[in-house]
N, C-alpha and C. Protein backbone atom coordinates (compact mmCIF):
# COMPACT_ATOMS: atom_id res chain seq x y z
N MET A 1 0.85 -1.26 -0.05
CA MET A 1 0.08 0.02 0.03
C MET A 1 0.82 1.15 -0.01
N GLY A 2 2.16 1.16 0.49
CA GLY A 2 2.95 2.39 0.55
C GLY A 2 3.24 2.90 -0.98
N LYS A 3 3.52 1.90 -1.97
CA LYS A 3 3.91 2.42 -3.18
C LYS A 3 2.64 3.01 -3.90
N ALA A 4 1.50 2.42 -3.68
CA ALA A 4 0.35 2.97 -4.38
C ALA A 4 -0.10 4.36 -3.89
N PHE A 5 0.16 4.41 -2.56
CA PHE A 5 -0.07 5.73 -1.81
C PHE A 5 0.85 6.75 -2.44
N GLU A 6 2.05 6.53 -2.51
CA GLU A 6 3.03 7.51 -3.03
C GLU A 6 2.70 7.83 -4.46
N ARG A 7 2.37 6.85 -5.28
CA ARG A 7 1.89 7.23 -6.74
C ARG A 7 0.60 8.08 -6.75
N MET A 8 -0.29 7.82 -5.91
CA MET A 8 -1.53 8.66 -5.76
C MET A 8 -1.11 10.10 -5.32
N MET A 9 -0.25 10.14 -4.31
CA MET A 9 0.13 11.50 -4.00
C MET A 9 0.93 12.40 -5.03
N GLU A 10 1.79 11.52 -5.90
CA GLU A 10 2.54 12.12 -6.93
C GLU A 10 1.53 12.74 -8.09
N ARG A 11 0.54 11.84 -8.31
CA ARG A 11 -0.36 12.20 -9.30
C ARG A 11 -1.09 13.51 -8.73
N ARG A 12 -1.45 13.54 -7.50
CA ARG A 12 -2.27 14.58 -6.91
C ARG A 12 -1.52 15.87 -6.95
N LYS A 13 -0.13 15.77 -6.66
CA LYS A 13 0.75 16.92 -6.67
C LYS A 13 0.88 17.40 -8.10
N ALA A 14 0.91 16.55 -9.12
CA ALA A 14 1.08 16.90 -10.56
C ALA A 14 -0.17 17.65 -10.90
N ARG A 15 -1.44 17.10 -10.59
CA ARG A 15 -2.70 17.87 -10.87
C ARG A 15 -2.73 19.15 -10.23
N MET A 16 -2.27 19.33 -9.00
CA MET A 16 -2.34 20.56 -8.22
C MET A 16 -1.43 21.54 -8.93
N ALA A 17 -0.22 21.03 -9.44
CA ALA A 17 0.62 22.04 -10.06
C ALA A 17 0.21 22.53 -11.32
N ALA A 18 -0.54 21.60 -12.09
CA ALA A 18 -1.22 21.94 -13.32
C ALA A 18 -2.27 22.92 -13.19
N ASP A 19 -3.09 22.69 -12.11
CA ASP A 19 -4.10 23.68 -11.72
C ASP A 19 -3.52 24.96 -11.34
N ASP A 20 -2.48 25.02 -10.65
CA ASP A 20 -1.82 26.32 -10.31
C ASP A 20 -1.27 27.03 -11.46
N ARG A 21 -0.75 26.36 -12.52
CA ARG A 21 -0.34 26.91 -13.66
C ARG A 21 -1.46 27.52 -14.45
N ARG A 22 -2.56 26.82 -14.53
CA ARG A 22 -3.71 27.31 -15.21
C ARG A 22 -4.24 28.56 -14.65
N GLN A 23 -4.27 28.52 -13.15
CA GLN A 23 -4.82 29.68 -12.65
C GLN A 23 -3.90 30.89 -12.73
N ARG A 24 -2.62 30.59 -12.68
CA ARG A 24 -1.69 31.73 -12.99
C ARG A 24 -1.91 32.31 -14.45
N LEU A 25 -1.92 31.51 -15.49
CA LEU A 25 -2.14 31.90 -16.71
C LEU A 25 -3.43 32.64 -16.87
N LEU A 26 -4.47 32.22 -16.36
CA LEU A 26 -5.79 32.83 -16.30
C LEU A 26 -5.65 34.28 -15.69
N PHE A 27 -4.93 34.41 -14.62
CA PHE A 27 -4.81 35.69 -13.93
C PHE A 27 -4.01 36.71 -14.71
N VAL A 28 -3.04 36.12 -15.26
CA VAL A 28 -2.05 36.99 -16.15
C VAL A 28 -2.83 37.48 -17.48
N GLY A 29 -3.74 36.55 -18.00
CA GLY A 29 -4.60 36.74 -19.14
C GLY A 29 -5.65 37.80 -18.83
N ILE A 30 -6.21 37.79 -17.64
CA ILE A 30 -7.18 38.88 -17.20
C ILE A 30 -6.56 40.14 -16.97
N ALA A 31 -5.33 40.17 -16.34
CA ALA A 31 -4.58 41.28 -16.25
C ALA A 31 -4.26 42.02 -17.48
N VAL A 32 -3.70 41.33 -18.43
CA VAL A 32 -3.23 41.77 -19.67
C VAL A 32 -4.52 42.30 -20.43
N ALA A 33 -5.66 41.66 -20.34
CA ALA A 33 -6.91 42.20 -20.95
C ALA A 33 -7.35 43.49 -20.38
N ILE A 34 -7.22 43.55 -18.99
CA ILE A 34 -7.47 44.88 -18.51
C ILE A 34 -6.63 45.88 -18.89
N VAL A 35 -5.42 45.79 -18.79
CA VAL A 35 -4.40 46.72 -19.25
C VAL A 35 -4.56 47.16 -20.61
N LEU A 36 -4.73 46.22 -21.56
CA LEU A 36 -5.01 46.66 -22.88
C LEU A 36 -6.32 47.48 -23.14
N GLY A 37 -7.38 46.98 -22.42
CA GLY A 37 -8.76 47.63 -22.42
C GLY A 37 -8.47 49.15 -21.96
N LEU A 38 -7.87 49.27 -20.90
CA LEU A 38 -7.64 50.65 -20.37
C LEU A 38 -6.77 51.37 -21.36
N GLY A 39 -5.82 50.77 -22.00
CA GLY A 39 -4.91 51.52 -22.94
C GLY A 39 -5.74 51.94 -24.10
N VAL A 40 -6.61 51.15 -24.67
CA VAL A 40 -7.48 51.56 -25.69
C VAL A 40 -8.28 52.71 -25.32
N LEU A 41 -9.04 52.62 -24.19
CA LEU A 41 -9.80 53.67 -23.60
C LEU A 41 -9.02 55.11 -23.56
N PHE A 42 -7.76 54.85 -23.10
CA PHE A 42 -6.98 56.06 -23.02
C PHE A 42 -6.69 56.67 -24.35
N ILE A 43 -6.35 55.93 -25.32
CA ILE A 43 -5.87 56.42 -26.61
C ILE A 43 -7.14 56.88 -27.28
N ARG A 44 -8.25 56.32 -27.22
CA ARG A 44 -9.50 56.63 -27.68
C ARG A 44 -9.90 58.14 -27.22
N LYS A 45 -9.72 58.34 -25.97
CA LYS A 45 -10.09 59.58 -25.17
C LYS A 45 -9.17 60.59 -25.72
N ARG A 46 -7.81 60.19 -25.94
CA ARG A 46 -6.77 61.30 -26.26
C ARG A 46 -7.14 61.75 -27.74
N ILE A 47 -7.59 60.84 -28.65
CA ILE A 47 -7.81 61.10 -29.91
C ILE A 47 -9.20 62.00 -29.99
N GLU A 48 -10.15 61.73 -29.17
CA GLU A 48 -11.44 62.49 -29.13
C GLU A 48 -11.24 63.85 -28.61
N SER A 49 -10.18 63.98 -27.75
CA SER A 49 -10.02 65.31 -27.07
C SER A 49 -9.09 66.18 -27.90
N GLY A 50 -8.60 65.81 -28.99
CA GLY A 50 -7.95 66.75 -29.99
C GLY A 50 -8.83 67.60 -30.54
N PRO A 51 -8.24 68.47 -31.33
CA PRO A 51 -9.00 69.54 -31.98
C PRO A 51 -10.14 68.84 -32.83
N LEU A 52 -11.23 69.38 -32.88
CA LEU A 52 -12.42 68.92 -33.54
C LEU A 52 -12.45 69.69 -34.99
N ASP A 53 -12.64 68.99 -36.15
CA ASP A 53 -12.83 69.58 -37.36
C ASP A 53 -14.25 69.88 -37.46
N VAL A 54 -14.57 71.13 -37.34
CA VAL A 54 -15.91 71.72 -37.43
C VAL A 54 -16.77 71.25 -38.60
N ASN A 55 -16.02 71.08 -39.77
CA ASN A 55 -16.69 70.66 -40.92
C ASN A 55 -16.96 69.22 -41.15
N LYS A 56 -16.50 68.37 -40.22
CA LYS A 56 -16.69 66.91 -40.41
C LYS A 56 -17.29 66.41 -39.00
N ALA A 57 -17.23 67.05 -37.97
CA ALA A 57 -17.87 66.65 -36.75
C ALA A 57 -19.18 66.23 -36.69
N SER A 58 -19.57 65.24 -35.93
CA SER A 58 -21.09 64.81 -35.80
C SER A 58 -21.78 65.80 -34.78
N ALA A 59 -22.95 65.77 -34.88
CA ALA A 59 -23.72 66.61 -33.87
C ALA A 59 -23.29 66.16 -32.41
N ALA A 60 -23.22 64.92 -32.15
CA ALA A 60 -22.76 64.47 -30.82
C ALA A 60 -21.48 64.89 -30.34
N GLN A 61 -20.50 65.10 -31.30
CA GLN A 61 -19.16 65.52 -31.04
C GLN A 61 -19.16 66.97 -30.75
N LEU A 62 -19.97 67.76 -31.65
CA LEU A 62 -20.20 69.21 -31.47
C LEU A 62 -20.82 69.51 -30.03
N GLU A 63 -21.78 68.84 -29.59
CA GLU A 63 -22.51 68.96 -28.24
C GLU A 63 -21.53 68.89 -27.23
N LYS A 64 -20.38 68.26 -27.30
CA LYS A 64 -19.40 68.18 -26.17
C LYS A 64 -18.68 69.49 -26.01
N LEU A 65 -18.71 70.32 -26.94
CA LEU A 65 -18.11 71.54 -26.80
C LEU A 65 -18.86 72.52 -25.89
N PRO A 66 -18.21 73.26 -25.06
CA PRO A 66 -19.01 74.20 -24.09
C PRO A 66 -19.97 75.14 -24.74
N GLY A 67 -21.06 75.27 -24.31
CA GLY A 67 -22.07 76.20 -24.84
C GLY A 67 -22.72 75.74 -26.04
N ILE A 68 -22.42 74.45 -26.57
CA ILE A 68 -23.02 74.05 -27.75
C ILE A 68 -24.13 73.04 -27.40
N GLY A 69 -25.45 73.22 -27.70
CA GLY A 69 -26.45 72.15 -27.30
C GLY A 69 -26.87 71.59 -28.74
N PRO A 70 -27.91 70.66 -28.55
CA PRO A 70 -28.32 69.97 -29.67
C PRO A 70 -28.77 70.81 -30.93
N GLU A 71 -29.44 71.96 -30.64
CA GLU A 71 -30.03 72.67 -31.78
C GLU A 71 -28.86 73.54 -32.40
N THR A 72 -27.95 74.03 -31.56
CA THR A 72 -26.82 74.81 -32.15
C THR A 72 -25.93 73.97 -32.87
N ALA A 73 -25.69 72.71 -32.37
CA ALA A 73 -24.89 71.67 -33.23
C ALA A 73 -25.59 71.32 -34.52
N LYS A 74 -26.86 71.32 -34.62
CA LYS A 74 -27.66 71.18 -35.84
C LYS A 74 -27.42 72.35 -36.86
N ASP A 75 -27.46 73.54 -36.23
CA ASP A 75 -27.33 74.68 -36.99
C ASP A 75 -25.84 74.87 -37.44
N ILE A 76 -24.92 74.39 -36.76
CA ILE A 76 -23.58 74.32 -37.23
C ILE A 76 -23.46 73.51 -38.39
N ILE A 77 -23.94 72.31 -38.33
CA ILE A 77 -23.87 71.39 -39.39
C ILE A 77 -24.49 72.01 -40.70
N ARG A 78 -25.67 72.53 -40.43
CA ARG A 78 -26.43 73.17 -41.67
C ARG A 78 -25.65 74.16 -42.27
N GLY A 79 -24.85 75.03 -41.55
CA GLY A 79 -24.16 76.06 -41.98
C GLY A 79 -22.67 75.91 -42.56
N ARG A 80 -22.30 74.53 -42.68
CA ARG A 80 -21.04 74.25 -43.20
C ARG A 80 -20.92 74.58 -44.70
N PRO A 81 -19.71 74.86 -45.05
CA PRO A 81 -18.43 74.78 -44.55
C PRO A 81 -17.93 76.01 -43.77
N TYR A 82 -17.06 75.92 -42.87
CA TYR A 82 -16.41 77.12 -42.20
C TYR A 82 -14.95 77.11 -42.46
N GLN A 83 -14.48 78.41 -42.60
CA GLN A 83 -13.00 78.59 -42.84
C GLN A 83 -12.32 79.01 -41.64
N THR A 84 -12.95 79.86 -40.68
CA THR A 84 -12.36 80.29 -39.52
C THR A 84 -13.36 80.21 -38.23
N ALA A 85 -12.82 80.38 -37.17
CA ALA A 85 -13.73 80.54 -35.90
C ALA A 85 -14.73 81.64 -36.15
N GLN A 86 -14.36 82.74 -36.71
CA GLN A 86 -15.13 83.82 -36.84
C GLN A 86 -16.41 83.62 -37.70
N ASP A 87 -16.34 82.54 -38.61
CA ASP A 87 -17.54 82.17 -39.32
C ASP A 87 -18.58 81.64 -38.57
N LEU A 88 -18.21 81.09 -37.39
CA LEU A 88 -19.37 80.49 -36.46
C LEU A 88 -20.12 81.55 -35.90
N LEU A 89 -19.65 82.79 -35.98
CA LEU A 89 -20.55 83.94 -35.31
C LEU A 89 -21.90 84.12 -36.25
N ASN A 90 -21.94 83.40 -37.41
CA ASN A 90 -23.09 83.53 -38.26
C ASN A 90 -24.02 82.54 -37.94
N VAL A 91 -23.86 81.55 -36.98
CA VAL A 91 -24.59 80.57 -36.56
C VAL A 91 -25.65 81.13 -35.42
N LYS A 92 -26.86 80.93 -35.56
CA LYS A 92 -27.71 81.41 -34.41
C LYS A 92 -27.30 80.70 -33.15
N GLY A 93 -27.18 81.48 -32.06
CA GLY A 93 -26.80 80.97 -30.80
C GLY A 93 -25.47 80.95 -30.36
N ILE A 94 -24.61 81.40 -31.41
CA ILE A 94 -23.23 81.43 -31.08
C ILE A 94 -22.78 82.87 -31.20
N GLY A 95 -22.30 83.45 -30.05
CA GLY A 95 -21.63 84.75 -29.96
C GLY A 95 -20.22 84.87 -29.73
N PRO A 96 -19.64 85.87 -29.66
CA PRO A 96 -18.17 86.04 -29.41
C PRO A 96 -17.68 85.26 -28.17
N LYS A 97 -18.45 85.32 -27.19
CA LYS A 97 -17.87 84.58 -25.93
C LYS A 97 -17.89 83.04 -26.08
N THR A 98 -18.90 82.48 -26.93
CA THR A 98 -18.99 81.05 -27.20
C THR A 98 -17.72 80.72 -28.06
N VAL A 99 -17.55 81.54 -29.15
CA VAL A 99 -16.40 81.24 -29.96
C VAL A 99 -15.09 81.37 -29.21
N GLU A 100 -14.97 82.30 -28.34
CA GLU A 100 -13.71 82.35 -27.45
C GLU A 100 -13.59 81.17 -26.56
N LYS A 101 -14.64 80.50 -26.05
CA LYS A 101 -14.53 79.33 -25.30
C LYS A 101 -14.11 78.17 -26.01
N ILE A 102 -14.58 77.96 -27.37
CA ILE A 102 -14.36 76.79 -28.14
C ILE A 102 -13.36 76.81 -29.04
N GLN A 103 -12.73 77.88 -29.35
CA GLN A 103 -11.83 78.04 -30.53
C GLN A 103 -10.56 77.21 -30.34
N ASP A 104 -10.07 77.07 -29.09
CA ASP A 104 -8.87 76.18 -28.99
C ASP A 104 -9.18 74.62 -29.21
N ARG A 105 -10.34 74.34 -29.33
CA ARG A 105 -10.89 72.91 -29.48
C ARG A 105 -11.20 72.72 -30.99
N LEU A 106 -10.98 73.69 -31.77
CA LEU A 106 -11.40 73.50 -33.22
C LEU A 106 -10.28 73.55 -34.23
N LYS A 107 -10.48 72.91 -35.35
CA LYS A 107 -9.69 72.97 -36.36
C LYS A 107 -10.44 73.17 -37.69
N PHE A 108 -9.88 73.78 -38.59
CA PHE A 108 -10.57 74.14 -39.91
C PHE A 108 -9.98 73.63 -41.13
N PRO A 109 -10.37 73.75 -42.36
CA PRO A 109 -9.90 72.98 -43.44
C PRO A 109 -8.36 72.89 -43.73
N ASP A 110 -7.68 73.94 -43.36
CA ASP A 110 -6.20 74.03 -43.49
C ASP A 110 -5.57 72.99 -42.62
N GLY A 111 -6.31 72.42 -41.60
CA GLY A 111 -5.64 71.60 -40.60
C GLY A 111 -5.18 72.13 -39.35
N ALA A 112 -5.13 73.51 -39.58
CA ALA A 112 -4.47 74.26 -38.33
C ALA A 112 -5.64 74.45 -37.18
N ALA A 113 -5.32 74.71 -36.05
CA ALA A 113 -6.22 74.95 -34.91
C ALA A 113 -6.90 76.44 -35.25
N ALA A 114 -8.00 76.62 -34.69
CA ALA A 114 -8.59 77.96 -34.86
C ALA A 114 -7.68 79.13 -34.37
N ALA A 115 -7.61 80.14 -35.15
CA ALA A 115 -6.97 81.31 -34.69
C ALA A 115 -7.68 82.05 -33.66
N PRO A 116 -7.10 82.67 -32.71
CA PRO A 116 -7.76 83.45 -31.79
C PRO A 116 -8.67 84.44 -32.26
N THR A 117 -9.71 84.79 -31.75
CA THR A 117 -10.61 85.84 -32.06
C THR A 117 -10.04 87.12 -31.48
N SER A 118 -10.36 88.32 -32.31
CA SER A 118 -9.82 89.61 -31.76
C SER A 118 -10.81 90.14 -30.77
N PRO A 119 -10.51 90.69 -29.70
CA PRO A 119 -11.31 91.14 -28.59
C PRO A 119 -12.21 92.27 -29.17
């Protein structure tokens, strides 16, 4: 019975070691998935936070700008194309203060960020 018991214990140790390896791999896999997911979210957020092309942005993107609501976003889209931040003054509901607040978050056809408005 001594040899049989030893073999049984060796098999049990081998199963436990295999289970331990699987659990470690699962943990590492979950950790990697979390890190990758957070990385994707961070990169996506950075991309979204860059200058917004007024002539291509969706209404939802425009609404994220300070002072721009759903109706104003629709009016911006209807008034396209824009060449400068000053052109946005022609949109109902946008005044100099709103343009001043959002101009740093905008880009126009030449790819440059909006030029500051004159006081």
